[in-house]
Amino acid sequence: MSTSSEMNMAEIREAVFGDVKKNWGWLLALGLVSLVLGTIGFYMTFALTLASVLLFGILILGAGVLQLIHAFTCKGWKSVFWHVLIALLYVAAGVNIILDPARASAMLTLILAGILIAVGVLRILMAIQLRPVATGWFWSLLSGLVSILLGGMIIAEWPVSGLWVIGLFVAIELIFSGWSTVFVALAARRAAQEDTVQ
């Protein structure tokens, strides 16, 4: 009985981890690099904000240029005018972001604050709706309140918050992604060790 249960666990580990069990070291290294970059970014939020927004501007500009090139290769297409107009808007947005990433980050941060507040309100409404039937409704309510609080804090400090919020969010994401990746790598290593013992 125990042998068949051990075989089932080995099959489950194989289905979940696959080749990651053999290459867990690379995954661990990726997690550690993300942790280091996130920690460095945490102390350089202004530079990380500008770099992120600048990269965003370059990507939008590149997309606009490619769409413009594509528009001129589509002869006989009735919507080519709209295609060109959209491409020009992308190019204009990309150029504006590249020329003044600080102003762009302030605007993106204001939009982000508005989204956080809207998401918070929706989560609170969902919590109120779930309250009679779900025991975990409080967590949705709390999450909504935190989102509204974060959005309000960003707006209260705006436009100065536009210089650090995006970088802070990117740094936090890198740190959480790093820890998550490290834990997955260690779990894959443990699974490989357990398969070797059997």
C-alpha atoms as a PDB file:
ATOM      1  CA  MET A   1       0.000   0.000   0.000  1.00  0.00           C
ATOM      2  CA  SER A   2       2.758   2.381   0.980  1.00  0.00           C
ATOM      3  CA  THR A   3       4.725   1.531  -2.195  1.00  0.00           C
ATOM      4  CA  SER A   4       1.812   2.407  -4.489  1.00  0.00           C
ATOM      5  CA  SER A   5       1.264   5.630  -2.529  1.00  0.00           C
ATOM      6  CA  GLU A   6       4.973   6.473  -2.936  1.00  0.00           C
ATOM      7  CA  MET A   7       4.695   5.757  -6.683  1.00  0.00           C
ATOM      8  CA  ASN A   8       1.686   8.046  -6.928  1.00  0.00           C
ATOM      9  CA  MET A   9       3.615  10.821  -5.167  1.00  0.00           C
ATOM     10  CA  ALA A  10       6.561  10.314  -7.533  1.00  0.00           C
ATOM     11  CA  GLU A  11       4.204  10.596 -10.517  1.00  0.00           C
ATOM     12  CA  ILE A  12       2.636  13.730  -9.059  1.00  0.00           C
ATOM     13  CA  ARG A  13       6.072  15.285  -8.470  1.00  0.00           C
ATOM     14  CA  GLU A  14       7.033  14.429 -12.045  1.00  0.00           C
ATOM     15  CA  ALA A  15       3.831  15.974 -13.413  1.00  0.00           C
ATOM     16  CA  VAL A  16       4.271  19.137 -11.339  1.00  0.00           C
ATOM     17  CA  PHE A  17       8.005  19.735 -11.707  1.00  0.00           C
ATOM     18  CA  GLY A  18       9.078  17.843 -14.830  1.00  0.00           C
ATOM     19  CA  ASP A  19      12.645  18.827 -15.801  1.00  0.00           C
ATOM     20  CA  VAL A  20      12.746  21.600 -13.197  1.00  0.00           C
ATOM     21  CA  LYS A  21      13.823  18.904 -10.729  1.00  0.00           C
ATOM     22  CA  LYS A  22      17.032  18.483 -12.757  1.00  0.00           C
ATOM     23  CA  ASN A  23      17.563  22.206 -13.359  1.00  0.00           C
ATOM     24  CA  TRP A  24      16.368  23.644 -10.039  1.00  0.00           C
ATOM     25  CA  GLY A  25      19.687  25.472  -9.615  1.00  0.00           C
ATOM     26  CA  TRP A  26      18.962  27.755 -12.583  1.00  0.00           C
ATOM     27  CA  LEU A  27      15.541  28.558 -11.159  1.00  0.00           C
ATOM     28  CA  LEU A  28      17.118  29.285  -7.776  1.00  0.00           C
ATOM     29  CA  ALA A  29      19.643  31.592  -9.454  1.00  0.00           C
ATOM     30  CA  LEU A  30      16.831  33.416 -11.276  1.00  0.00           C
ATOM     31  CA  GLY A  31      14.992  33.901  -7.983  1.00  0.00           C
ATOM     32  CA  LEU A  32      18.105  35.219  -6.267  1.00  0.00           C
ATOM     33  CA  VAL A  33      18.827  37.623  -9.143  1.00  0.00           C
ATOM     34  CA  SER A  34      15.233  38.918  -8.939  1.00  0.00           C
ATOM     35  CA  LEU A  35      15.636  39.397  -5.187  1.00  0.00           C
ATOM     36  CA  VAL A  36      18.889  41.315  -5.620  1.00  0.00           C
ATOM     37  CA  LEU A  37      17.502  43.495  -8.429  1.00  0.00           C
ATOM     38  CA  GLY A  38      14.308  44.161  -6.474  1.00  0.00           C
ATOM     39  CA  THR A  39      16.273  45.105  -3.363  1.00  0.00           C
ATOM     40  CA  ILE A  40      18.527  47.446  -5.355  1.00  0.00           C
ATOM     41  CA  GLY A  41      15.469  48.887  -7.107  1.00  0.00           C
ATOM     42  CA  PHE A  42      13.797  49.421  -3.734  1.00  0.00           C
ATOM     43  CA  TYR A  43      16.567  51.906  -2.877  1.00  0.00           C
ATOM     44  CA  MET A  44      16.547  53.485  -6.351  1.00  0.00           C
ATOM     45  CA  THR A  45      12.824  53.946  -6.971  1.00  0.00           C
ATOM     46  CA  PHE A  46      13.262  57.218  -8.880  1.00  0.00           C
ATOM     47  CA  ALA A  47      15.743  55.705 -11.345  1.00  0.00           C
ATOM     48  CA  LEU A  48      13.678  52.527 -11.650  1.00  0.00           C
ATOM     49  CA  THR A  49      10.533  54.586 -12.308  1.00  0.00           C
ATOM     50  CA  LEU A  50      12.238  56.569 -15.079  1.00  0.00           C
ATOM     51  CA  ALA A  51      13.789  53.429 -16.592  1.00  0.00           C
ATOM     52  CA  SER A  52      10.427  51.602 -16.566  1.00  0.00           C
ATOM     53  CA  VAL A  53       8.567  54.530 -18.105  1.00  0.00           C
ATOM     54  CA  LEU A  54      11.325  55.072 -20.681  1.00  0.00           C
ATOM     55  CA  LEU A  55      11.163  51.405 -21.687  1.00  0.00           C
ATOM     56  CA  PHE A  56       7.373  51.716 -21.929  1.00  0.00           C
ATOM     57  CA  GLY A  57       7.805  54.733 -24.230  1.00  0.00           C
ATOM     58  CA  ILE A  58      10.304  52.886 -26.442  1.00  0.00           C
ATOM     59  CA  LEU A  59       7.941  49.911 -26.746  1.00  0.00           C
ATOM     60  CA  ILE A  60       4.981  52.129 -27.680  1.00  0.00           C
ATOM     61  CA  LEU A  61       7.104  54.039 -30.207  1.00  0.00           C
ATOM     62  CA  GLY A  62       8.342  50.762 -31.722  1.00  0.00           C
ATOM     63  CA  ALA A  63       4.802  49.402 -31.942  1.00  0.00           C
ATOM     64  CA  GLY A  64       3.640  52.594 -33.639  1.00  0.00           C
ATOM     65  CA  VAL A  65       6.460  52.532 -36.184  1.00  0.00           C
ATOM     66  CA  LEU A  66       5.804  48.873 -37.022  1.00  0.00           C
ATOM     67  CA  GLN A  67       2.086  49.534 -37.360  1.00  0.00           C
ATOM     68  CA  LEU A  68       2.818  52.513 -39.647  1.00  0.00           C
ATOM     69  CA  ILE A  69       5.076  50.362 -41.850  1.00  0.00           C
ATOM     70  CA  HIS A  70       2.406  47.677 -41.937  1.00  0.00           C
ATOM     71  CA  ALA A  71      -0.260  50.211 -42.934  1.00  0.00           C
ATOM     72  CA  PHE A  72       1.685  51.143 -46.068  1.00  0.00           C
ATOM     73  CA  THR A  73       1.985  47.509 -47.133  1.00  0.00           C
ATOM     74  CA  CYS A  74      -1.811  46.993 -47.109  1.00  0.00           C
ATOM     75  CA  LYS A  75      -3.030  48.282 -50.458  1.00  0.00           C
ATOM     76  CA  GLY A  76      -6.781  48.289 -51.008  1.00  0.00           C
ATOM     77  CA  TRP A  77      -7.663  47.996 -47.320  1.00  0.00           C
ATOM     78  CA  LYS A  78     -10.552  50.334 -46.480  1.00  0.00           C
ATOM     79  CA  SER A  79      -9.436  50.808 -42.857  1.00  0.00           C
ATOM     80  CA  VAL A  80      -5.873  51.878 -43.694  1.00  0.00           C
ATOM     81  CA  PHE A  81      -6.625  55.488 -42.679  1.00  0.00           C
ATOM     82  CA  TRP A  82      -7.629  54.378 -39.175  1.00  0.00           C
ATOM     83  CA  HIS A  83      -4.630  52.062 -39.008  1.00  0.00           C
ATOM     84  CA  VAL A  84      -2.302  54.973 -39.854  1.00  0.00           C
ATOM     85  CA  LEU A  85      -4.051  57.258 -37.345  1.00  0.00           C
ATOM     86  CA  ILE A  86      -3.665  54.693 -34.544  1.00  0.00           C
ATOM     87  CA  ALA A  87       0.004  54.212 -35.498  1.00  0.00           C
ATOM     88  CA  LEU A  88       0.609  57.976 -35.398  1.00  0.00           C
ATOM     89  CA  LEU A  89      -1.012  58.193 -31.949  1.00  0.00           C
ATOM     90  CA  TYR A  90       1.296  55.397 -30.730  1.00  0.00           C
ATOM     91  CA  VAL A  91       4.315  57.189 -32.199  1.00  0.00           C
ATOM     92  CA  ALA A  92       3.270  60.514 -30.636  1.00  0.00           C
ATOM     93  CA  ALA A  93       2.712  58.883 -27.231  1.00  0.00           C
ATOM     94  CA  GLY A  94       6.055  57.066 -27.409  1.00  0.00           C
ATOM     95  CA  VAL A  95       7.945  60.225 -28.387  1.00  0.00           C
ATOM     96  CA  ASN A  96       6.264  62.245 -25.608  1.00  0.00           C
ATOM     97  CA  ILE A  97       7.112  59.596 -23.009  1.00  0.00           C
ATOM     98  CA  ILE A  98      10.734  59.360 -24.195  1.00  0.00           C
ATOM     99  CA  LEU A  99      11.199  63.144 -24.240  1.00  0.00           C
ATOM    100  CA  ASP A 100       9.795  63.630 -20.722  1.00  0.00           C
ATOM    101  CA  PRO A 101       9.650  60.368 -18.747  1.00  0.00           C
ATOM    102  CA  ALA A 102       9.158  62.228 -15.437  1.00  0.00           C
ATOM    103  CA  ARG A 103       5.941  63.893 -16.659  1.00  0.00           C
ATOM    104  CA  ALA A 104       4.781  60.597 -18.175  1.00  0.00           C
ATOM    105  CA  SER A 105       5.438  58.763 -14.903  1.00  0.00           C
ATOM    106  CA  ALA A 106       3.392  61.371 -13.028  1.00  0.00           C
ATOM    107  CA  MET A 107       0.457  60.865 -15.397  1.00  0.00           C
ATOM    108  CA  LEU A 108       0.745  57.065 -15.308  1.00  0.00           C
ATOM    109  CA  THR A 109       0.884  57.195 -11.513  1.00  0.00           C
ATOM    110  CA  LEU A 110      -2.285  59.287 -11.368  1.00  0.00           C
ATOM    111  CA  ILE A 111      -4.028  56.766 -13.630  1.00  0.00           C
ATOM    112  CA  LEU A 112      -2.733  53.928 -11.424  1.00  0.00           C
ATOM    113  CA  ALA A 113      -4.096  55.668  -8.302  1.00  0.00           C
ATOM    114  CA  GLY A 114      -7.500  56.015  -9.949  1.00  0.00           C
ATOM    115  CA  ILE A 115      -7.481  52.340 -10.915  1.00  0.00           C
ATOM    116  CA  LEU A 116      -6.549  51.313  -7.359  1.00  0.00           C
ATOM    117  CA  ILE A 117      -9.444  53.345  -5.945  1.00  0.00           C
ATOM    118  CA  ALA A 118     -11.902  51.945  -8.501  1.00  0.00           C
ATOM    119  CA  VAL A 119     -10.739  48.367  -7.841  1.00  0.00           C
ATOM    120  CA  GLY A 120     -11.040  48.990  -4.107  1.00  0.00           C
ATOM    121  CA  VAL A 121     -14.628  50.201  -4.438  1.00  0.00           C
ATOM    122  CA  LEU A 122     -15.517  47.171  -6.579  1.00  0.00           C
ATOM    123  CA  ARG A 123     -13.946  44.786  -4.058  1.00  0.00           C
ATOM    124  CA  ILE A 124     -15.923  46.384  -1.239  1.00  0.00           C
ATOM    125  CA  LEU A 125     -19.147  46.045  -3.229  1.00  0.00           C
ATOM    126  CA  MET A 126     -18.282  42.406  -3.913  1.00  0.00           C
ATOM    127  CA  ALA A 127     -17.593  41.825  -0.202  1.00  0.00           C
ATOM    128  CA  ILE A 128     -20.961  43.321   0.734  1.00  0.00           C
ATOM    129  CA  GLN A 129     -22.639  41.049  -1.796  1.00  0.00           C
ATOM    130  CA  LEU A 130     -20.752  37.969  -0.514  1.00  0.00           C
ATOM    131  CA  ARG A 131     -21.235  38.736   3.187  1.00  0.00           C
ATOM    132  CA  PRO A 132     -24.434  36.702   3.681  1.00  0.00           C
ATOM    133  CA  VAL A 133     -23.074  33.589   1.955  1.00  0.00           C
ATOM    134  CA  ALA A 134     -19.263  33.521   2.245  1.00  0.00           C
ATOM    135  CA  THR A 135     -17.171  33.342   5.399  1.00  0.00           C
ATOM    136  CA  GLY A 136     -14.143  34.941   3.698  1.00  0.00           C
ATOM    137  CA  TRP A 137     -15.996  38.120   2.664  1.00  0.00           C
ATOM    138  CA  PHE A 138     -13.968  40.146   5.180  1.00  0.00           C
ATOM    139  CA  TRP A 139     -10.727  39.602   3.237  1.00  0.00           C
ATOM    140  CA  SER A 140     -12.295  41.039   0.106  1.00  0.00           C
ATOM    141  CA  LEU A 141     -13.502  44.023   2.153  1.00  0.00           C
ATOM    142  CA  LEU A 142     -10.049  44.505   3.679  1.00  0.00           C
ATOM    143  CA  SER A 143      -8.389  44.204   0.271  1.00  0.00           C
ATOM    144  CA  GLY A 144     -10.747  46.858  -1.097  1.00  0.00           C
ATOM    145  CA  LEU A 145     -10.027  49.213   1.780  1.00  0.00           C
ATOM    146  CA  VAL A 146      -6.252  48.751   1.323  1.00  0.00           C
ATOM    147  CA  SER A 147      -6.553  49.475  -2.421  1.00  0.00           C
ATOM    148  CA  ILE A 148      -8.513  52.668  -1.722  1.00  0.00           C
ATOM    149  CA  LEU A 149      -5.981  53.675   0.944  1.00  0.00           C
ATOM    150  CA  LEU A 150      -3.043  53.107  -1.430  1.00  0.00           C
ATOM    151  CA  GLY A 151      -4.747  55.034  -4.232  1.00  0.00           C
ATOM    152  CA  GLY A 152      -5.566  57.873  -1.835  1.00  0.00           C
ATOM    153  CA  MET A 153      -1.981  58.006  -0.545  1.00  0.00           C
ATOM    154  CA  ILE A 154      -0.653  58.196  -4.111  1.00  0.00           C
ATOM    155  CA  ILE A 155      -3.061  61.022  -4.988  1.00  0.00           C
ATOM    156  CA  ALA A 156      -2.274  62.869  -1.733  1.00  0.00           C
ATOM    157  CA  GLU A 157       1.422  62.931  -2.658  1.00  0.00           C
ATOM    158  CA  TRP A 158       0.876  63.565  -6.382  1.00  0.00           C
ATOM    159  CA  PRO A 159       2.722  64.725  -8.524  1.00  0.00           C
ATOM    160  CA  VAL A 160       5.786  63.881  -6.374  1.00  0.00           C
ATOM    161  CA  SER A 161       4.533  60.297  -5.996  1.00  0.00           C
ATOM    162  CA  GLY A 162       4.841  59.987  -9.784  1.00  0.00           C
ATOM    163  CA  LEU A 163       8.606  59.980  -9.367  1.00  0.00           C
ATOM    164  CA  TRP A 164       8.782  56.901  -7.145  1.00  0.00           C
ATOM    165  CA  VAL A 165       5.538  54.860  -7.147  1.00  0.00           C
ATOM    166  CA  ILE A 166       6.112  52.930 -10.378  1.00  0.00           C
ATOM    167  CA  GLY A 167       9.696  52.106  -9.374  1.00  0.00           C
ATOM    168  CA  LEU A 168       8.513  51.011  -5.928  1.00  0.00           C
ATOM    169  CA  PHE A 169       5.856  48.730  -7.440  1.00  0.00           C
ATOM    170  CA  VAL A 170       8.393  47.217  -9.864  1.00  0.00           C
ATOM    171  CA  ALA A 171      10.871  46.656  -7.013  1.00  0.00           C
ATOM    172  CA  ILE A 172       8.210  45.016  -4.826  1.00  0.00           C
ATOM    173  CA  GLU A 173       7.139  42.805  -7.741  1.00  0.00           C
ATOM    174  CA  LEU A 174      10.762  41.738  -8.332  1.00  0.00           C
ATOM    175  CA  ILE A 175      11.207  40.913  -4.632  1.00  0.00           C
ATOM    176  CA  PHE A 176       7.992  38.872  -4.395  1.00  0.00           C
ATOM    177  CA  SER A 177       8.731  37.170  -7.711  1.00  0.00           C
ATOM    178  CA  GLY A 178      12.231  36.365  -6.475  1.00  0.00           C
ATOM    179  CA  TRP A 179      11.012  34.803  -3.235  1.00  0.00           C
ATOM    180  CA  SER A 180       8.339  32.847  -5.081  1.00  0.00           C
ATOM    181  CA  THR A 181      10.884  31.531  -7.585  1.00  0.00           C
ATOM    182  CA  VAL A 182      13.335  30.598  -4.809  1.00  0.00           C
ATOM    183  CA  PHE A 183      10.629  28.601  -2.996  1.00  0.00           C
ATOM    184  CA  VAL A 184       9.628  26.794  -6.198  1.00  0.00           C
ATOM    185  CA  ALA A 185      13.290  25.960  -6.902  1.00  0.00           C
ATOM    186  CA  LEU A 186      13.769  24.595  -3.375  1.00  0.00           C
ATOM    187  CA  ALA A 187      10.566  22.538  -3.672  1.00  0.00           C
ATOM    188  CA  ALA A 188      11.826  21.127  -6.993  1.00  0.00           C
ATOM    189  CA  ARG A 189      15.157  20.277  -5.330  1.00  0.00           C
ATOM    190  CA  ARG A 190      13.338  18.510  -2.492  1.00  0.00           C
ATOM    191  CA  ALA A 191      11.221  16.577  -5.012  1.00  0.00           C
ATOM    192  CA  ALA A 192      14.367  15.509  -6.859  1.00  0.00           C
ATOM    193  CA  GLN A 193      15.954  14.351  -3.597  1.00  0.00           C
ATOM    194  CA  GLU A 194      12.840  12.382  -2.633  1.00  0.00           C
ATOM    195  CA  ASP A 195      12.789  10.704  -6.068  1.00  0.00           C
ATOM    196  CA  THR A 196      16.464   9.777  -5.657  1.00  0.00           C
ATOM    197  CA  VAL A 197      15.820   8.183  -2.249  1.00  0.00           C
ATOM    198  CA  GLN A 198      13.088   5.943  -3.683  1.00  0.00           C
END
